[in-house]
Amino acid sequence: MPKTLVTGASGLVGSNLVRALRERGDDVRALLRSTAREDNLADLSYERATGDVLDRRSVRRALRDVDRVFHAAGRTSLRMAAADLNRINVDGTRIVLEECLRAGVERVVYTSSVAAIGPARRGSTVDETQVFDAGAYGIPYVNAKHEARSRPCGWPPAGCRS
């Protein structure tokens, strides 16, 4: 049975990921901060790894014997200072991806928001090929999510899809 790590597992997206992964039979480890509330995970079976995406050593420990990673940790505040959003969303993502490379993780799924690529033009849809022009809005959250998606640490490795 593959071991799958989920960062941000106590949040809305992360807890639903844990639920779906357990339903398909994955052995799930959740990287949770020591202060994380686990209400969304109360009825689920998973292994808890206490740590923080900004703490390289705790990420490294959480990755032991892990085959796949779903990185869903991040902050979604529109009021938080740009420096704090960058630290969590950009630096945290970079640390997780660098440690996944170091650990030889088979697959990583990075979950973000539409802010990472910008809104769709009226009457169209959007995907990763769209030119990012949402930075002109000056919203720190939008800029941090876009920056985190912009291939920190050279991810993905050659031959992988972004």
N, C-alpha and C. Protein backbone atom coordinates (compact mmCIF):
# COMPACT_ATOMS: atom_id res chain seq x y z
N MET A 1 0.85 -1.17 0.00
CA MET A 1 0.00 0.00 0.00
C MET A 1 0.90 1.25 0.00
N PRO A 2 0.66 2.19 -0.93
CA PRO A 2 1.49 3.39 -0.97
C PRO A 2 1.25 4.29 0.24
N LYS A 3 2.32 4.94 0.68
CA LYS A 3 2.19 5.92 1.76
C LYS A 3 2.13 7.29 1.11
N THR A 4 1.12 8.06 1.50
CA THR A 4 0.88 9.38 0.92
C THR A 4 0.89 10.42 2.03
N LEU A 5 1.67 11.47 1.84
CA LEU A 5 1.72 12.59 2.77
C LEU A 5 0.81 13.70 2.26
N VAL A 6 0.02 14.26 3.16
CA VAL A 6 -0.82 15.42 2.84
C VAL A 6 -0.40 16.56 3.76
N THR A 7 0.04 17.67 3.16
CA THR A 7 0.31 18.87 3.95
C THR A 7 -0.99 19.67 3.98
N GLY A 8 -1.20 20.41 5.05
CA GLY A 8 -2.44 21.18 5.16
C GLY A 8 -3.66 20.30 5.34
N ALA A 9 -3.48 19.14 5.93
CA ALA A 9 -4.55 18.14 6.01
C ALA A 9 -5.71 18.56 6.90
N SER A 10 -5.53 19.53 7.77
CA SER A 10 -6.64 19.93 8.64
C SER A 10 -7.56 20.96 8.01
N GLY A 11 -7.16 21.50 6.87
CA GLY A 11 -7.99 22.50 6.19
C GLY A 11 -9.10 21.86 5.37
N LEU A 12 -9.89 22.69 4.73
CA LEU A 12 -11.02 22.21 3.94
C LEU A 12 -10.56 21.30 2.80
N VAL A 13 -9.62 21.76 1.99
CA VAL A 13 -9.14 20.95 0.87
C VAL A 13 -8.37 19.74 1.38
N GLY A 14 -7.46 19.97 2.31
CA GLY A 14 -6.63 18.87 2.82
C GLY A 14 -7.43 17.76 3.48
N SER A 15 -8.43 18.11 4.27
CA SER A 15 -9.21 17.07 4.94
C SER A 15 -10.04 16.27 3.95
N ASN A 16 -10.52 16.92 2.91
CA ASN A 16 -11.24 16.19 1.87
C ASN A 16 -10.30 15.30 1.06
N LEU A 17 -9.07 15.75 0.88
CA LEU A 17 -8.05 14.91 0.24
C LEU A 17 -7.78 13.66 1.07
N VAL A 18 -7.59 13.85 2.37
CA VAL A 18 -7.34 12.72 3.26
C VAL A 18 -8.49 11.72 3.16
N ARG A 19 -9.71 12.22 3.18
CA ARG A 19 -10.89 11.36 3.09
C ARG A 19 -10.88 10.57 1.78
N ALA A 20 -10.64 11.24 0.65
CA ALA A 20 -10.63 10.57 -0.66
C ALA A 20 -9.48 9.56 -0.76
N LEU A 21 -8.32 9.92 -0.23
CA LEU A 21 -7.18 9.00 -0.28
C LEU A 21 -7.43 7.76 0.57
N ARG A 22 -8.02 7.93 1.73
CA ARG A 22 -8.35 6.78 2.58
C ARG A 22 -9.38 5.89 1.90
N GLU A 23 -10.36 6.51 1.25
CA GLU A 23 -11.40 5.73 0.56
C GLU A 23 -10.82 4.89 -0.57
N ARG A 24 -9.75 5.38 -1.22
CA ARG A 24 -9.16 4.60 -2.30
C ARG A 24 -8.10 3.62 -1.79
N GLY A 25 -7.82 3.65 -0.47
CA GLY A 25 -6.94 2.67 0.13
C GLY A 25 -5.54 3.14 0.46
N ASP A 26 -5.26 4.43 0.31
CA ASP A 26 -3.92 4.93 0.64
C ASP A 26 -3.68 4.91 2.14
N ASP A 27 -2.46 4.67 2.50
CA ASP A 27 -1.97 4.82 3.87
C ASP A 27 -1.56 6.28 3.98
N VAL A 28 -2.28 7.08 4.76
CA VAL A 28 -2.10 8.53 4.77
C VAL A 28 -1.36 9.00 6.02
N ARG A 29 -0.39 9.87 5.78
CA ARG A 29 0.28 10.61 6.85
C ARG A 29 -0.07 12.07 6.64
N ALA A 30 -0.46 12.75 7.70
CA ALA A 30 -0.84 14.16 7.62
C ALA A 30 0.21 15.00 8.34
N LEU A 31 0.79 15.97 7.62
CA LEU A 31 1.71 16.91 8.25
C LEU A 31 0.88 18.05 8.81
N LEU A 32 0.84 18.13 10.14
CA LEU A 32 0.01 19.12 10.83
C LEU A 32 0.84 19.92 11.82
N ARG A 33 0.58 21.20 11.88
CA ARG A 33 1.24 22.03 12.89
C ARG A 33 0.76 21.60 14.27
N SER A 34 1.54 21.86 15.28
CA SER A 34 1.18 21.43 16.63
C SER A 34 -0.12 22.08 17.10
N THR A 35 -0.46 23.22 16.55
CA THR A 35 -1.67 23.95 16.94
C THR A 35 -2.87 23.63 16.05
N ALA A 36 -2.71 22.75 15.07
CA ALA A 36 -3.79 22.46 14.11
C ALA A 36 -4.98 21.80 14.80
N ARG A 37 -6.15 22.27 14.47
CA ARG A 37 -7.38 21.61 14.92
C ARG A 37 -7.65 20.45 13.98
N GLU A 38 -8.05 19.35 14.54
CA GLU A 38 -8.26 18.15 13.74
C GLU A 38 -9.74 17.79 13.61
N ASP A 39 -10.62 18.76 13.82
CA ASP A 39 -12.06 18.52 13.72
C ASP A 39 -12.45 17.92 12.37
N ASN A 40 -11.87 18.44 11.29
CA ASN A 40 -12.21 17.96 9.95
C ASN A 40 -11.72 16.54 9.68
N LEU A 41 -10.85 16.04 10.55
CA LEU A 41 -10.24 14.72 10.38
C LEU A 41 -10.73 13.72 11.42
N ALA A 42 -11.65 14.14 12.26
CA ALA A 42 -12.04 13.36 13.45
C ALA A 42 -12.44 11.92 13.15
N ASP A 43 -13.12 11.68 12.06
CA ASP A 43 -13.62 10.34 11.78
C ASP A 43 -12.71 9.55 10.83
N LEU A 44 -11.49 10.05 10.59
CA LEU A 44 -10.59 9.43 9.62
C LEU A 44 -9.40 8.77 10.29
N SER A 45 -8.92 7.73 9.67
CA SER A 45 -7.72 7.04 10.13
C SER A 45 -6.53 7.56 9.34
N TYR A 46 -5.53 8.07 10.04
CA TYR A 46 -4.32 8.60 9.40
C TYR A 46 -3.22 8.65 10.44
N GLU A 47 -2.00 8.77 9.96
CA GLU A 47 -0.85 8.93 10.84
C GLU A 47 -0.53 10.42 10.91
N ARG A 48 -0.40 10.94 12.12
CA ARG A 48 -0.08 12.35 12.29
C ARG A 48 1.44 12.55 12.34
N ALA A 49 1.91 13.51 11.55
CA ALA A 49 3.29 13.97 11.63
C ALA A 49 3.22 15.43 12.04
N THR A 50 3.77 15.75 13.19
CA THR A 50 3.72 17.13 13.67
C THR A 50 4.87 17.91 13.08
N GLY A 51 4.55 19.04 12.49
CA GLY A 51 5.59 19.87 11.89
C GLY A 51 4.98 21.04 11.16
N ASP A 52 5.80 21.68 10.35
CA ASP A 52 5.42 22.89 9.65
C ASP A 52 6.16 22.91 8.33
N VAL A 53 5.49 23.36 7.27
CA VAL A 53 6.14 23.40 5.96
C VAL A 53 7.33 24.36 5.93
N LEU A 54 7.43 25.24 6.91
CA LEU A 54 8.57 26.15 6.99
C LEU A 54 9.74 25.56 7.78
N ASP A 55 9.54 24.40 8.36
CA ASP A 55 10.57 23.73 9.15
C ASP A 55 11.09 22.53 8.35
N ARG A 56 12.22 22.74 7.68
CA ARG A 56 12.78 21.73 6.79
C ARG A 56 12.95 20.38 7.47
N ARG A 57 13.40 20.37 8.72
CA ARG A 57 13.61 19.09 9.42
C ARG A 57 12.30 18.34 9.65
N SER A 58 11.24 19.06 10.00
CA SER A 58 9.97 18.37 10.21
C SER A 58 9.40 17.86 8.89
N VAL A 59 9.61 18.59 7.80
CA VAL A 59 9.17 18.12 6.49
C VAL A 59 9.95 16.86 6.12
N ARG A 60 11.24 16.89 6.35
CA ARG A 60 12.10 15.73 6.05
C ARG A 60 11.64 14.49 6.82
N ARG A 61 11.33 14.68 8.12
CA ARG A 61 10.83 13.56 8.93
C ARG A 61 9.50 13.04 8.40
N ALA A 62 8.61 13.95 8.04
CA ALA A 62 7.29 13.55 7.54
C ALA A 62 7.39 12.79 6.22
N LEU A 63 8.44 13.02 5.45
CA LEU A 63 8.61 12.38 4.14
C LEU A 63 9.22 10.98 4.21
N ARG A 64 9.67 10.55 5.39
CA ARG A 64 10.26 9.21 5.49
C ARG A 64 9.29 8.15 5.01
N ASP A 65 9.76 7.33 4.07
CA ASP A 65 8.98 6.20 3.53
C ASP A 65 7.70 6.63 2.81
N VAL A 66 7.66 7.85 2.31
CA VAL A 66 6.50 8.36 1.59
C VAL A 66 6.72 8.19 0.09
N ASP A 67 5.68 7.73 -0.61
CA ASP A 67 5.73 7.56 -2.05
C ASP A 67 5.19 8.77 -2.81
N ARG A 68 4.13 9.38 -2.25
CA ARG A 68 3.46 10.49 -2.92
C ARG A 68 3.16 11.60 -1.93
N VAL A 69 3.07 12.81 -2.45
CA VAL A 69 2.76 13.96 -1.61
C VAL A 69 1.68 14.80 -2.28
N PHE A 70 0.71 15.19 -1.48
CA PHE A 70 -0.27 16.19 -1.88
C PHE A 70 0.01 17.42 -1.03
N HIS A 71 0.53 18.47 -1.67
CA HIS A 71 0.88 19.69 -0.94
C HIS A 71 -0.29 20.66 -1.03
N ALA A 72 -1.06 20.75 0.06
CA ALA A 72 -2.23 21.62 0.11
C ALA A 72 -2.11 22.69 1.19
N ALA A 73 -0.98 22.75 1.87
CA ALA A 73 -0.80 23.74 2.94
C ALA A 73 -0.61 25.13 2.34
N GLY A 74 -1.12 26.11 3.01
CA GLY A 74 -0.94 27.49 2.59
C GLY A 74 -1.92 28.38 3.31
N ARG A 75 -1.75 29.67 3.12
CA ARG A 75 -2.66 30.65 3.71
C ARG A 75 -3.45 31.32 2.61
N THR A 76 -4.72 31.59 2.88
CA THR A 76 -5.60 32.18 1.87
C THR A 76 -6.08 33.57 2.25
N SER A 77 -5.38 34.24 3.11
CA SER A 77 -5.81 35.54 3.61
C SER A 77 -5.64 36.66 2.58
N LEU A 78 -6.63 37.51 2.50
CA LEU A 78 -6.51 38.72 1.68
C LEU A 78 -6.06 39.90 2.53
N ARG A 79 -5.92 39.68 3.84
CA ARG A 79 -5.53 40.77 4.74
C ARG A 79 -4.12 40.62 5.31
N MET A 80 -3.55 39.44 5.19
CA MET A 80 -2.23 39.18 5.76
C MET A 80 -1.15 39.97 4.99
N ALA A 81 -0.11 40.35 5.69
CA ALA A 81 0.99 41.09 5.07
C ALA A 81 1.66 40.25 3.99
N ALA A 82 2.13 40.91 2.94
CA ALA A 82 2.77 40.24 1.80
C ALA A 82 3.93 39.36 2.25
N ALA A 83 4.75 39.85 3.17
CA ALA A 83 5.92 39.08 3.62
C ALA A 83 5.49 37.78 4.29
N ASP A 84 4.43 37.81 5.08
CA ASP A 84 3.95 36.61 5.75
C ASP A 84 3.34 35.62 4.75
N LEU A 85 2.59 36.13 3.79
CA LEU A 85 2.02 35.27 2.76
C LEU A 85 3.12 34.62 1.92
N ASN A 86 4.13 35.38 1.57
CA ASN A 86 5.25 34.82 0.80
C ASN A 86 5.99 33.76 1.59
N ARG A 87 6.20 34.03 2.86
CA ARG A 87 6.93 33.06 3.68
C ARG A 87 6.19 31.72 3.71
N ILE A 88 4.90 31.75 3.92
CA ILE A 88 4.12 30.52 4.03
C ILE A 88 3.88 29.89 2.66
N ASN A 89 3.37 30.66 1.72
CA ASN A 89 2.95 30.11 0.43
C ASN A 89 4.12 29.85 -0.53
N VAL A 90 5.10 30.72 -0.54
CA VAL A 90 6.22 30.57 -1.47
C VAL A 90 7.34 29.75 -0.82
N ASP A 91 7.84 30.23 0.31
CA ASP A 91 8.96 29.51 0.96
C ASP A 91 8.54 28.12 1.42
N GLY A 92 7.32 28.01 1.97
CA GLY A 92 6.84 26.69 2.41
C GLY A 92 6.74 25.72 1.25
N THR A 93 6.23 26.18 0.12
CA THR A 93 6.14 25.32 -1.07
C THR A 93 7.52 24.92 -1.55
N ARG A 94 8.44 25.88 -1.59
CA ARG A 94 9.82 25.58 -2.02
C ARG A 94 10.46 24.53 -1.12
N ILE A 95 10.29 24.66 0.19
CA ILE A 95 10.88 23.70 1.13
C ILE A 95 10.28 22.31 0.90
N VAL A 96 8.96 22.22 0.78
CA VAL A 96 8.32 20.92 0.57
C VAL A 96 8.83 20.29 -0.73
N LEU A 97 8.88 21.06 -1.81
CA LEU A 97 9.32 20.50 -3.09
C LEU A 97 10.80 20.11 -3.08
N GLU A 98 11.63 20.93 -2.47
CA GLU A 98 13.06 20.57 -2.37
C GLU A 98 13.24 19.28 -1.58
N GLU A 99 12.52 19.14 -0.50
CA GLU A 99 12.65 17.93 0.31
C GLU A 99 12.05 16.72 -0.40
N CYS A 100 11.02 16.92 -1.21
CA CYS A 100 10.48 15.81 -2.01
C CYS A 100 11.52 15.34 -3.03
N LEU A 101 12.20 16.29 -3.66
CA LEU A 101 13.27 15.92 -4.59
C LEU A 101 14.36 15.15 -3.86
N ARG A 102 14.77 15.67 -2.72
CA ARG A 102 15.83 15.04 -1.92
C ARG A 102 15.44 13.62 -1.50
N ALA A 103 14.16 13.42 -1.16
CA ALA A 103 13.69 12.13 -0.68
C ALA A 103 13.35 11.16 -1.82
N GLY A 104 13.35 11.64 -3.05
CA GLY A 104 13.01 10.77 -4.17
C GLY A 104 11.55 10.40 -4.24
N VAL A 105 10.68 11.32 -3.82
CA VAL A 105 9.24 11.07 -3.86
C VAL A 105 8.81 10.82 -5.31
N GLU A 106 7.99 9.80 -5.48
CA GLU A 106 7.53 9.37 -6.80
C GLU A 106 6.65 10.41 -7.50
N ARG A 107 5.74 11.05 -6.77
CA ARG A 107 4.82 12.00 -7.37
C ARG A 107 4.41 13.05 -6.34
N VAL A 108 4.31 14.30 -6.82
CA VAL A 108 3.83 15.40 -5.99
C VAL A 108 2.68 16.08 -6.71
N VAL A 109 1.61 16.33 -5.98
CA VAL A 109 0.49 17.10 -6.50
C VAL A 109 0.43 18.38 -5.67
N TYR A 110 0.60 19.50 -6.34
CA TYR A 110 0.58 20.80 -5.68
C TYR A 110 -0.80 21.42 -5.90
N THR A 111 -1.49 21.73 -4.81
CA THR A 111 -2.81 22.31 -4.88
C THR A 111 -2.72 23.79 -4.55
N SER A 112 -3.31 24.60 -5.37
CA SER A 112 -3.31 26.03 -5.15
C SER A 112 -4.71 26.56 -5.40
N SER A 113 -4.79 27.78 -5.86
CA SER A 113 -6.09 28.39 -6.19
C SER A 113 -5.97 29.04 -7.55
N VAL A 114 -7.08 29.50 -8.08
CA VAL A 114 -7.05 30.16 -9.37
C VAL A 114 -6.18 31.40 -9.31
N ALA A 115 -5.92 31.92 -8.13
CA ALA A 115 -5.04 33.09 -8.00
C ALA A 115 -3.67 32.82 -8.59
N ALA A 116 -3.23 31.57 -8.59
CA ALA A 116 -1.90 31.22 -9.11
C ALA A 116 -1.77 31.48 -10.60
N ILE A 117 -2.90 31.45 -11.32
CA ILE A 117 -2.83 31.66 -12.76
C ILE A 117 -3.65 32.87 -13.22
N GLY A 118 -4.48 33.39 -12.36
CA GLY A 118 -5.28 34.56 -12.68
C GLY A 118 -6.67 34.19 -13.16
N PRO A 119 -7.58 35.14 -13.12
CA PRO A 119 -8.97 34.87 -13.51
C PRO A 119 -9.11 34.70 -15.02
N ALA A 120 -10.16 34.00 -15.41
CA ALA A 120 -10.47 33.83 -16.83
C ALA A 120 -11.04 35.13 -17.40
N ARG A 121 -10.75 35.35 -18.64
CA ARG A 121 -11.35 36.49 -19.34
C ARG A 121 -12.86 36.19 -19.51
N ARG A 122 -13.65 37.22 -19.58
CA ARG A 122 -15.10 37.06 -19.72
C ARG A 122 -15.43 36.12 -20.89
N GLY A 123 -16.25 35.10 -20.60
CA GLY A 123 -16.69 34.17 -21.62
C GLY A 123 -15.69 33.09 -21.98
N SER A 124 -14.59 32.96 -21.21
CA SER A 124 -13.59 31.93 -21.53
C SER A 124 -13.24 31.14 -20.28
N THR A 125 -12.39 30.18 -20.46
CA THR A 125 -11.86 29.40 -19.33
C THR A 125 -10.38 29.70 -19.21
N VAL A 126 -9.81 29.24 -18.12
CA VAL A 126 -8.40 29.54 -17.86
C VAL A 126 -7.66 28.24 -17.57
N ASP A 127 -6.40 28.19 -17.96
CA ASP A 127 -5.51 27.09 -17.57
C ASP A 127 -4.10 27.66 -17.40
N GLU A 128 -3.14 26.78 -17.18
CA GLU A 128 -1.78 27.21 -16.86
C GLU A 128 -1.06 27.90 -18.00
N THR A 129 -1.61 27.87 -19.22
CA THR A 129 -0.95 28.52 -20.35
C THR A 129 -1.29 30.00 -20.46
N GLN A 130 -2.25 30.46 -19.69
CA GLN A 130 -2.64 31.87 -19.74
C GLN A 130 -1.52 32.75 -19.24
N VAL A 131 -1.33 33.88 -19.88
CA VAL A 131 -0.36 34.86 -19.40
C VAL A 131 -0.89 35.43 -18.09
N PHE A 132 -0.02 35.46 -17.07
CA PHE A 132 -0.44 35.95 -15.76
C PHE A 132 -0.37 37.46 -15.75
N ASP A 133 -1.53 38.09 -15.63
CA ASP A 133 -1.56 39.55 -15.53
C ASP A 133 -2.30 40.03 -14.29
N ALA A 134 -2.66 39.09 -13.41
CA ALA A 134 -3.38 39.44 -12.19
C ALA A 134 -2.49 40.16 -11.18
N GLY A 135 -1.18 40.13 -11.38
CA GLY A 135 -0.27 40.84 -10.49
C GLY A 135 -0.53 42.33 -10.50
N ALA A 136 -1.12 42.83 -11.56
CA ALA A 136 -1.42 44.26 -11.66
C ALA A 136 -2.44 44.70 -10.62
N TYR A 137 -3.18 43.75 -10.03
CA TYR A 137 -4.15 44.10 -9.00
C TYR A 137 -3.48 44.48 -7.69
N GLY A 138 -2.22 44.07 -7.50
CA GLY A 138 -1.50 44.41 -6.28
C GLY A 138 -2.01 43.69 -5.04
N ILE A 139 -2.58 42.50 -5.21
CA ILE A 139 -3.10 41.74 -4.07
C ILE A 139 -2.02 40.76 -3.62
N PRO A 140 -1.46 40.93 -2.42
CA PRO A 140 -0.36 40.07 -1.98
C PRO A 140 -0.67 38.58 -2.05
N TYR A 141 -1.88 38.16 -1.72
CA TYR A 141 -2.24 36.74 -1.80
C TYR A 141 -2.10 36.21 -3.22
N VAL A 142 -2.63 36.93 -4.18
CA VAL A 142 -2.58 36.53 -5.59
C VAL A 142 -1.12 36.40 -6.03
N ASN A 143 -0.32 37.40 -5.70
CA ASN A 143 1.09 37.38 -6.10
C ASN A 143 1.86 36.24 -5.45
N ALA A 144 1.56 35.95 -4.18
CA ALA A 144 2.25 34.86 -3.48
C ALA A 144 1.88 33.51 -4.09
N LYS A 145 0.60 33.29 -4.40
CA LYS A 145 0.18 32.02 -4.99
C LYS A 145 0.80 31.84 -6.38
N HIS A 146 0.89 32.93 -7.15
CA HIS A 146 1.53 32.84 -8.47
C HIS A 146 3.02 32.53 -8.33
N GLU A 147 3.67 33.21 -7.42
CA GLU A 147 5.11 32.99 -7.21
C GLU A 147 5.39 31.56 -6.78
N ALA A 148 4.55 31.02 -5.90
CA ALA A 148 4.75 29.64 -5.42
C ALA A 148 4.62 28.64 -6.56
N ARG A 149 3.80 28.94 -7.55
CA ARG A 149 3.56 28.05 -8.67
C ARG A 149 4.66 28.14 -9.73
N SER A 150 5.49 29.15 -9.66
CA SER A 150 6.46 29.43 -10.72
C SER A 150 7.73 28.60 -10.60
N ARG A 151 7.56 27.30 -10.39
CA ARG A 151 8.65 26.33 -10.40
C ARG A 151 9.82 26.65 -9.45
N PRO A 152 9.54 26.78 -8.16
CA PRO A 152 10.65 26.95 -7.23
C PRO A 152 11.52 25.70 -7.23
N CYS A 153 12.79 25.84 -7.10
CA CYS A 153 13.77 24.75 -6.99
C CYS A 153 13.83 23.86 -8.22
N GLY A 154 13.36 24.33 -9.37
CA GLY A 154 13.47 23.54 -10.58
C GLY A 154 12.47 22.41 -10.69
N TRP A 155 11.42 22.40 -9.86
CA TRP A 155 10.39 21.38 -9.96
C TRP A 155 9.55 21.69 -11.19
N PRO A 156 9.09 20.75 -11.93
CA PRO A 156 9.28 19.33 -11.77
C PRO A 156 10.59 18.85 -12.39
N PRO A 157 11.06 17.68 -12.01
CA PRO A 157 12.26 17.13 -12.62
C PRO A 157 12.03 16.90 -14.11
N ALA A 158 13.11 16.81 -14.87
CA ALA A 158 13.01 16.57 -16.30
C ALA A 158 12.10 15.39 -16.59
N GLY A 159 11.25 15.53 -17.57
CA GLY A 159 10.36 14.44 -17.97
C GLY A 159 9.03 14.42 -17.23
N CYS A 160 8.85 15.29 -16.25
CA CYS A 160 7.59 15.32 -15.51
C CYS A 160 6.72 16.46 -16.03
N ARG A 161 5.42 16.30 -15.88
CA ARG A 161 4.50 17.37 -16.26
C ARG A 161 4.38 18.34 -15.10
N SER A 162 4.20 19.61 -15.43
CA SER A 162 4.00 20.60 -14.37
C SER A 162 2.53 20.69 -14.04
